[in-house]
Amino acid sequence: MDPASAVAGLIGLAALVMQTTAKLRGLCQDYATAKEDAERVSASLQTLQDLLEETTRLINEPSIIRATTMLTRSR
């Protein structure tokens, strides 16, 4: 193998190693923050569940049902 080909091969290998290292570093950072991300998602889902439960309670409340029935009949 001539020296120019060897240098070109080493440059390509170095670029591949740098790319792989950057991807592995990103993966490690993602893994490190996964717990916090999961906790944030869980808290958001809990908030959504609370809102939906309250909405369901309000929809099923007898006074709301009567008011809605009266409004739709008056049209």
PDB file of N, CA and C in Angstrom:
ATOM      1  N   MET A   1       0.862  -1.183   0.000  1.00  0.00           N
ATOM      2  CA  MET A   1       0.000   0.000   0.000  1.00  0.00           C
ATOM      3  C   MET A   1       0.897   1.230   0.000  1.00  0.00           C
ATOM      4  N   ASP A   2       0.548   2.172  -0.846  1.00  0.00           N
ATOM      5  CA  ASP A   2       1.358   3.389  -0.924  1.00  0.00           C
ATOM      6  C   ASP A   2       1.011   4.307   0.256  1.00  0.00           C
ATOM      7  N   PRO A   3       1.910   5.199   0.636  1.00  0.00           N
ATOM      8  CA  PRO A   3       1.701   6.071   1.791  1.00  0.00           C
ATOM      9  C   PRO A   3       0.443   6.937   1.707  1.00  0.00           C
ATOM     10  N   ALA A   4       0.095   7.414   0.532  1.00  0.00           N
ATOM     11  CA  ALA A   4      -1.086   8.273   0.391  1.00  0.00           C
ATOM     12  C   ALA A   4      -2.352   7.492   0.704  1.00  0.00           C
ATOM     13  N   SER A   5      -2.414   6.244   0.253  1.00  0.00           N
ATOM     14  CA  SER A   5      -3.581   5.402   0.540  1.00  0.00           C
ATOM     15  C   SER A   5      -3.682   5.094   2.028  1.00  0.00           C
ATOM     16  N   ALA A   6      -2.534   4.854   2.652  1.00  0.00           N
ATOM     17  CA  ALA A   6      -2.519   4.571   4.085  1.00  0.00           C
ATOM     18  C   ALA A   6      -3.009   5.776   4.876  1.00  0.00           C
ATOM     19  N   VAL A   7      -2.558   6.957   4.502  1.00  0.00           N
ATOM     20  CA  VAL A   7      -2.981   8.190   5.174  1.00  0.00           C
ATOM     21  C   VAL A   7      -4.479   8.406   4.969  1.00  0.00           C
ATOM     22  N   ALA A   8      -4.955   8.191   3.766  1.00  0.00           N
ATOM     23  CA  ALA A   8      -6.381   8.356   3.479  1.00  0.00           C
ATOM     24  C   ALA A   8      -7.204   7.370   4.309  1.00  0.00           C
ATOM     25  N   GLY A   9      -6.727   6.142   4.413  1.00  0.00           N
ATOM     26  CA  GLY A   9      -7.417   5.137   5.227  1.00  0.00           C
ATOM     27  C   GLY A   9      -7.448   5.519   6.695  1.00  0.00           C
ATOM     28  N   LEU A  10      -6.340   6.041   7.203  1.00  0.00           N
ATOM     29  CA  LEU A  10      -6.279   6.461   8.608  1.00  0.00           C
ATOM     30  C   LEU A  10      -7.192   7.654   8.870  1.00  0.00           C
ATOM     31  N   ILE A  11      -7.258   8.567   7.908  1.00  0.00           N
ATOM     32  CA  ILE A  11      -8.148   9.725   8.065  1.00  0.00           C
ATOM     33  C   ILE A  11      -9.601   9.260   8.101  1.00  0.00           C
ATOM     34  N   GLY A  12      -9.959   8.340   7.222  1.00  0.00           N
ATOM     35  CA  GLY A  12     -11.315   7.791   7.224  1.00  0.00           C
ATOM     36  C   GLY A  12     -11.635   7.068   8.515  1.00  0.00           C
ATOM     37  N   LEU A  13     -10.666   6.289   9.006  1.00  0.00           N
ATOM     38  CA  LEU A  13     -10.858   5.574  10.267  1.00  0.00           C
ATOM     39  C   LEU A  13     -11.012   6.556  11.426  1.00  0.00           C
ATOM     40  N   ALA A  14     -10.207   7.607  11.445  1.00  0.00           N
ATOM     41  CA  ALA A  14     -10.295   8.614  12.507  1.00  0.00           C
ATOM     42  C   ALA A  14     -11.664   9.304  12.485  1.00  0.00           C
ATOM     43  N   ALA A  15     -12.162   9.600  11.285  1.00  0.00           N
ATOM     44  CA  ALA A  15     -13.478  10.239  11.164  1.00  0.00           C
ATOM     45  C   ALA A  15     -14.571   9.307  11.682  1.00  0.00           C
ATOM     46  N   LEU A  16     -14.463   8.034  11.363  1.00  0.00           N
ATOM     47  CA  LEU A  16     -15.450   7.056  11.835  1.00  0.00           C
ATOM     48  C   LEU A  16     -15.409   6.926  13.353  1.00  0.00           C
ATOM     49  N   VAL A  17     -14.218   6.895  13.918  1.00  0.00           N
ATOM     50  CA  VAL A  17     -14.076   6.803  15.381  1.00  0.00           C
ATOM     51  C   VAL A  17     -14.662   8.047  16.052  1.00  0.00           C
ATOM     52  N   MET A  18     -14.417   9.226  15.498  1.00  0.00           N
ATOM     53  CA  MET A  18     -14.965  10.458  16.076  1.00  0.00           C
ATOM     54  C   MET A  18     -16.495  10.452  16.009  1.00  0.00           C
ATOM     55  N   GLN A  19     -17.031   9.998  14.876  1.00  0.00           N
ATOM     56  CA  GLN A  19     -18.485   9.941  14.707  1.00  0.00           C
ATOM     57  C   GLN A  19     -19.100   8.963  15.713  1.00  0.00           C
ATOM     58  N   THR A  20     -18.505   7.807  15.838  1.00  0.00           N
ATOM     59  CA  THR A  20     -19.015   6.788  16.771  1.00  0.00           C
ATOM     60  C   THR A  20     -18.920   7.276  18.211  1.00  0.00           C
ATOM     61  N   THR A  21     -17.816   7.928  18.547  1.00  0.00           N
ATOM     62  CA  THR A  21     -17.641   8.461  19.898  1.00  0.00           C
ATOM     63  C   THR A  21     -18.706   9.508  20.210  1.00  0.00           C
ATOM     64  N   ALA A  22     -18.992  10.386  19.267  1.00  0.00           N
ATOM     65  CA  ALA A  22     -20.017  11.419  19.483  1.00  0.00           C
ATOM     66  C   ALA A  22     -21.385  10.782  19.682  1.00  0.00           C
ATOM     67  N   LYS A  23     -21.700   9.754  18.894  1.00  0.00           N
ATOM     68  CA  LYS A  23     -22.993   9.087  19.048  1.00  0.00           C
ATOM     69  C   LYS A  23     -23.094   8.363  20.386  1.00  0.00           C
ATOM     70  N   LEU A  24     -22.026   7.717  20.800  1.00  0.00           N
ATOM     71  CA  LEU A  24     -22.026   7.039  22.104  1.00  0.00           C
ATOM     72  C   LEU A  24     -22.160   8.032  23.250  1.00  0.00           C
ATOM     73  N   ARG A  25     -21.503   9.170  23.115  1.00  0.00           N
ATOM     74  CA  ARG A  25     -21.603  10.203  24.149  1.00  0.00           C
ATOM     75  C   ARG A  25     -23.044  10.718  24.244  1.00  0.00           C
ATOM     76  N   GLY A  26     -23.669  10.947  23.094  1.00  0.00           N
ATOM     77  CA  GLY A  26     -25.066  11.380  23.078  1.00  0.00           C
ATOM     78  C   GLY A  26     -25.980  10.340  23.697  1.00  0.00           C
ATOM     79  N   LEU A  27     -25.725   9.083  23.397  1.00  0.00           N
ATOM     80  CA  LEU A  27     -26.525   8.005  23.976  1.00  0.00           C
ATOM     81  C   LEU A  27     -26.378   7.975  25.498  1.00  0.00           C
ATOM     82  N   CYS A  28     -25.173   8.154  25.980  1.00  0.00           N
ATOM     83  CA  CYS A  28     -24.939   8.181  27.430  1.00  0.00           C
ATOM     84  C   CYS A  28     -25.656   9.356  28.087  1.00  0.00           C
ATOM     85  N   GLN A  29     -25.634  10.513  27.437  1.00  0.00           N
ATOM     86  CA  GLN A  29     -26.325  11.683  27.976  1.00  0.00           C
ATOM     87  C   GLN A  29     -27.836  11.452  27.992  1.00  0.00           C
ATOM     88  N   ASP A  30     -28.368  10.851  26.922  1.00  0.00           N
ATOM     89  CA  ASP A  30     -29.803  10.540  26.887  1.00  0.00           C
ATOM     90  C   ASP A  30     -30.174   9.582  28.005  1.00  0.00           C
ATOM     91  N   TYR A  31     -29.347   8.580  28.223  1.00  0.00           N
ATOM     92  CA  TYR A  31     -29.610   7.602  29.275  1.00  0.00           C
ATOM     93  C   TYR A  31     -29.556   8.271  30.648  1.00  0.00           C
ATOM     94  N   ALA A  32     -28.629   9.200  30.818  1.00  0.00           N
ATOM     95  CA  ALA A  32     -28.466   9.868  32.112  1.00  0.00           C
ATOM     96  C   ALA A  32     -29.682  10.716  32.464  1.00  0.00           C
ATOM     97  N   THR A  33     -30.342  11.284  31.461  1.00  0.00           N
ATOM     98  CA  THR A  33     -31.506  12.135  31.725  1.00  0.00           C
ATOM     99  C   THR A  33     -32.829  11.395  31.558  1.00  0.00           C
ATOM    100  N   ALA A  34     -32.783  10.108  31.267  1.00  0.00           N
ATOM    101  CA  ALA A  34     -34.017   9.346  31.021  1.00  0.00           C
ATOM    102  C   ALA A  34     -34.936   9.344  32.239  1.00  0.00           C
ATOM    103  N   LYS A  35     -34.380   9.220  33.431  1.00  0.00           N
ATOM    104  CA  LYS A  35     -35.210   9.182  34.632  1.00  0.00           C
ATOM    105  C   LYS A  35     -35.965  10.493  34.814  1.00  0.00           C
ATOM    106  N   GLU A  36     -35.269  11.620  34.646  1.00  0.00           N
ATOM    107  CA  GLU A  36     -35.927  12.917  34.786  1.00  0.00           C
ATOM    108  C   GLU A  36     -36.993  13.106  33.703  1.00  0.00           C
ATOM    109  N   ASP A  37     -36.688  12.670  32.495  1.00  0.00           N
ATOM    110  CA  ASP A  37     -37.666  12.771  31.409  1.00  0.00           C
ATOM    111  C   ASP A  37     -38.912  11.947  31.734  1.00  0.00           C
ATOM    112  N   ALA A  38     -38.710  10.736  32.215  1.00  0.00           N
ATOM    113  CA  ALA A  38     -39.835   9.865  32.563  1.00  0.00           C
ATOM    114  C   ALA A  38     -40.658  10.474  33.695  1.00  0.00           C
ATOM    115  N   GLU A  39     -40.009  11.103  34.655  1.00  0.00           N
ATOM    116  CA  GLU A  39     -40.731  11.746  35.756  1.00  0.00           C
ATOM    117  C   GLU A  39     -41.559  12.923  35.256  1.00  0.00           C
ATOM    118  N   ARG A  40     -41.010  13.706  34.322  1.00  0.00           N
ATOM    119  CA  ARG A  40     -41.760  14.828  33.748  1.00  0.00           C
ATOM    120  C   ARG A  40     -42.966  14.336  32.953  1.00  0.00           C
ATOM    121  N   VAL A  41     -42.765  13.293  32.174  1.00  0.00           N
ATOM    122  CA  VAL A  41     -43.882  12.731  31.400  1.00  0.00           C
ATOM    123  C   VAL A  41     -44.944  12.193  32.346  1.00  0.00           C
ATOM    124  N   SER A  42     -44.521  11.511  33.394  1.00  0.00           N
ATOM    125  CA  SER A  42     -45.460  10.965  34.368  1.00  0.00           C
ATOM    126  C   SER A  42     -46.261  12.072  35.047  1.00  0.00           C
ATOM    127  N   ALA A  43     -45.605  13.148  35.408  1.00  0.00           N
ATOM    128  CA  ALA A  43     -46.298  14.275  36.036  1.00  0.00           C
ATOM    129  C   ALA A  43     -47.293  14.913  35.066  1.00  0.00           C
ATOM    130  N   SER A  44     -46.917  15.038  33.814  1.00  0.00           N
ATOM    131  CA  SER A  44     -47.829  15.602  32.809  1.00  0.00           C
ATOM    132  C   SER A  44     -49.039  14.702  32.607  1.00  0.00           C
ATOM    133  N   LEU A  45     -48.803  13.402  32.572  1.00  0.00           N
ATOM    134  CA  LEU A  45     -49.918  12.464  32.416  1.00  0.00           C
ATOM    135  C   LEU A  45     -50.842  12.493  33.632  1.00  0.00           C
ATOM    136  N   GLN A  46     -50.268  12.663  34.817  1.00  0.00           N
ATOM    137  CA  GLN A  46     -51.095  12.754  36.017  1.00  0.00           C
ATOM    138  C   GLN A  46     -51.971  14.000  35.965  1.00  0.00           C
ATOM    139  N   THR A  47     -51.400  15.115  35.526  1.00  0.00           N
ATOM    140  CA  THR A  47     -52.167  16.350  35.377  1.00  0.00           C
ATOM    141  C   THR A  47     -53.301  16.157  34.374  1.00  0.00           C
ATOM    142  N   LEU A  48     -53.004  15.527  33.257  1.00  0.00           N
ATOM    143  CA  LEU A  48     -54.028  15.259  32.250  1.00  0.00           C
ATOM    144  C   LEU A  48     -55.125  14.370  32.817  1.00  0.00           C
ATOM    145  N   GLN A  49     -54.735  13.338  33.548  1.00  0.00           N
ATOM    146  CA  GLN A  49     -55.727  12.449  34.161  1.00  0.00           C
ATOM    147  C   GLN A  49     -56.608  13.217  35.135  1.00  0.00           C
ATOM    148  N   ASP A  50     -56.021  14.066  35.943  1.00  0.00           N
ATOM    149  CA  ASP A  50     -56.791  14.865  36.903  1.00  0.00           C
ATOM    150  C   ASP A  50     -57.797  15.765  36.180  1.00  0.00           C
ATOM    151  N   LEU A  51     -57.345  16.403  35.107  1.00  0.00           N
ATOM    152  CA  LEU A  51     -58.242  17.281  34.342  1.00  0.00           C
ATOM    153  C   LEU A  51     -59.388  16.500  33.711  1.00  0.00           C
ATOM    154  N   LEU A  52     -59.081  15.335  33.165  1.00  0.00           N
ATOM    155  CA  LEU A  52     -60.122  14.522  32.549  1.00  0.00           C
ATOM    156  C   LEU A  52     -61.117  13.992  33.585  1.00  0.00           C
ATOM    157  N   GLU A  53     -60.620  13.627  34.747  1.00  0.00           N
ATOM    158  CA  GLU A  53     -61.520  13.173  35.808  1.00  0.00           C
ATOM    159  C   GLU A  53     -62.443  14.306  36.256  1.00  0.00           C
ATOM    160  N   GLU A  54     -61.906  15.506  36.399  1.00  0.00           N
ATOM    161  CA  GLU A  54     -62.717  16.657  36.798  1.00  0.00           C
ATOM    162  C   GLU A  54     -63.731  17.000  35.707  1.00  0.00           C
ATOM    163  N   THR A  55     -63.314  16.929  34.466  1.00  0.00           N
ATOM    164  CA  THR A  55     -64.235  17.174  33.356  1.00  0.00           C
ATOM    165  C   THR A  55     -65.365  16.163  33.358  1.00  0.00           C
ATOM    166  N   THR A  56     -65.026  14.894  33.555  1.00  0.00           N
ATOM    167  CA  THR A  56     -66.049  13.844  33.621  1.00  0.00           C
ATOM    168  C   THR A  56     -67.010  14.092  34.776  1.00  0.00           C
ATOM    169  N   ARG A  57     -66.456  14.491  35.916  1.00  0.00           N
ATOM    170  CA  ARG A  57     -67.307  14.771  37.072  1.00  0.00           C
ATOM    171  C   ARG A  57     -68.262  15.917  36.761  1.00  0.00           C
ATOM    172  N   LEU A  58     -67.758  16.969  36.146  1.00  0.00           N
ATOM    173  CA  LEU A  58     -68.607  18.117  35.816  1.00  0.00           C
ATOM    174  C   LEU A  58     -69.675  17.748  34.781  1.00  0.00           C
ATOM    175  N   ILE A  59     -69.295  16.959  33.791  1.00  0.00           N
ATOM    176  CA  ILE A  59     -70.256  16.548  32.771  1.00  0.00           C
ATOM    177  C   ILE A  59     -71.382  15.726  33.376  1.00  0.00           C
ATOM    178  N   ASN A  60     -71.043  14.905  34.342  1.00  0.00           N
ATOM    179  CA  ASN A  60     -72.035  14.017  34.949  1.00  0.00           C
ATOM    180  C   ASN A  60     -72.799  14.657  36.105  1.00  0.00           C
ATOM    181  N   GLU A  61     -72.448  15.878  36.450  1.00  0.00           N
ATOM    182  CA  GLU A  61     -73.124  16.563  37.549  1.00  0.00           C
ATOM    183  C   GLU A  61     -74.569  16.878  37.133  1.00  0.00           C
ATOM    184  N   PRO A  62     -75.554  16.526  37.964  1.00  0.00           N
ATOM    185  CA  PRO A  62     -76.962  16.701  37.598  1.00  0.00           C
ATOM    186  C   PRO A  62     -77.324  18.133  37.206  1.00  0.00           C
ATOM    187  N   SER A  63     -76.798  19.136  37.890  1.00  0.00           N
ATOM    188  CA  SER A  63     -77.164  20.518  37.556  1.00  0.00           C
ATOM    189  C   SER A  63     -76.659  20.900  36.159  1.00  0.00           C
ATOM    190  N   ILE A  64     -75.511  20.393  35.781  1.00  0.00           N
ATOM    191  CA  ILE A  64     -74.975  20.665  34.447  1.00  0.00           C
ATOM    192  C   ILE A  64     -75.839  19.969  33.394  1.00  0.00           C
ATOM    193  N   ILE A  65     -76.247  18.746  33.679  1.00  0.00           N
ATOM    194  CA  ILE A  65     -77.083  18.004  32.734  1.00  0.00           C
ATOM    195  C   ILE A  65     -78.411  18.732  32.530  1.00  0.00           C
ATOM    196  N   ARG A  66     -79.011  19.206  33.628  1.00  0.00           N
ATOM    197  CA  ARG A  66     -80.286  19.929  33.511  1.00  0.00           C
ATOM    198  C   ARG A  66     -80.114  21.209  32.701  1.00  0.00           C
ATOM    199  N   ALA A  67     -79.046  21.955  32.973  1.00  0.00           N
ATOM    200  CA  ALA A  67     -78.810  23.211  32.257  1.00  0.00           C
ATOM    201  C   ALA A  67     -78.575  22.942  30.774  1.00  0.00           C
ATOM    202  N   THR A  68     -77.834  21.930  30.469  1.00  0.00           N
ATOM    203  CA  THR A  68     -77.577  21.585  29.072  1.00  0.00           C
ATOM    204  C   THR A  68     -78.859  21.164  28.378  1.00  0.00           C
ATOM    205  N   THR A  69     -79.679  20.369  29.063  1.00  0.00           N
ATOM    206  CA  THR A  69     -80.954  19.930  28.489  1.00  0.00           C
ATOM    207  C   THR A  69     -81.854  21.125  28.226  1.00  0.00           C
ATOM    208  N   MET A  70     -81.898  22.051  29.172  1.00  0.00           N
ATOM    209  CA  MET A  70     -82.747  23.233  29.008  1.00  0.00           C
ATOM    210  C   MET A  70     -82.258  24.089  27.844  1.00  0.00           C
ATOM    211  N   LEU A  71     -80.950  24.241  27.707  1.00  0.00           N
ATOM    212  CA  LEU A  71     -80.396  25.041  26.610  1.00  0.00           C
ATOM    213  C   LEU A  71     -80.689  24.407  25.253  1.00  0.00           C
ATOM    214  N   THR A  72     -80.570  23.111  25.167  1.00  0.00           N
ATOM    215  CA  THR A  72     -80.808  22.463  23.869  1.00  0.00           C
ATOM    216  C   THR A  72     -82.285  22.444  23.519  1.00  0.00           C
ATOM    217  N   ARG A  73     -83.169  22.408  24.507  1.00  0.00           N
ATOM    218  CA  ARG A  73     -84.608  22.411  24.237  1.00  0.00           C
ATOM    219  C   ARG A  73     -85.092  23.798  23.819  1.00  0.00           C
ATOM    220  N   SER A  74     -84.393  24.837  24.278  1.00  0.00           N
ATOM    221  CA  SER A  74     -84.827  26.201  23.984  1.00  0.00           C
ATOM    222  C   SER A  74     -84.472  26.614  22.557  1.00  0.00           C
ATOM    223  N   ARG A  75     -83.718  25.859  21.871  1.00  0.00           N
ATOM    224  CA  ARG A  75     -83.306  26.216  20.492  1.00  0.00           C
ATOM    225  C   ARG A  75     -84.355  25.906  19.523  1.00  0.00           C
TER     226      ARG A  75
END
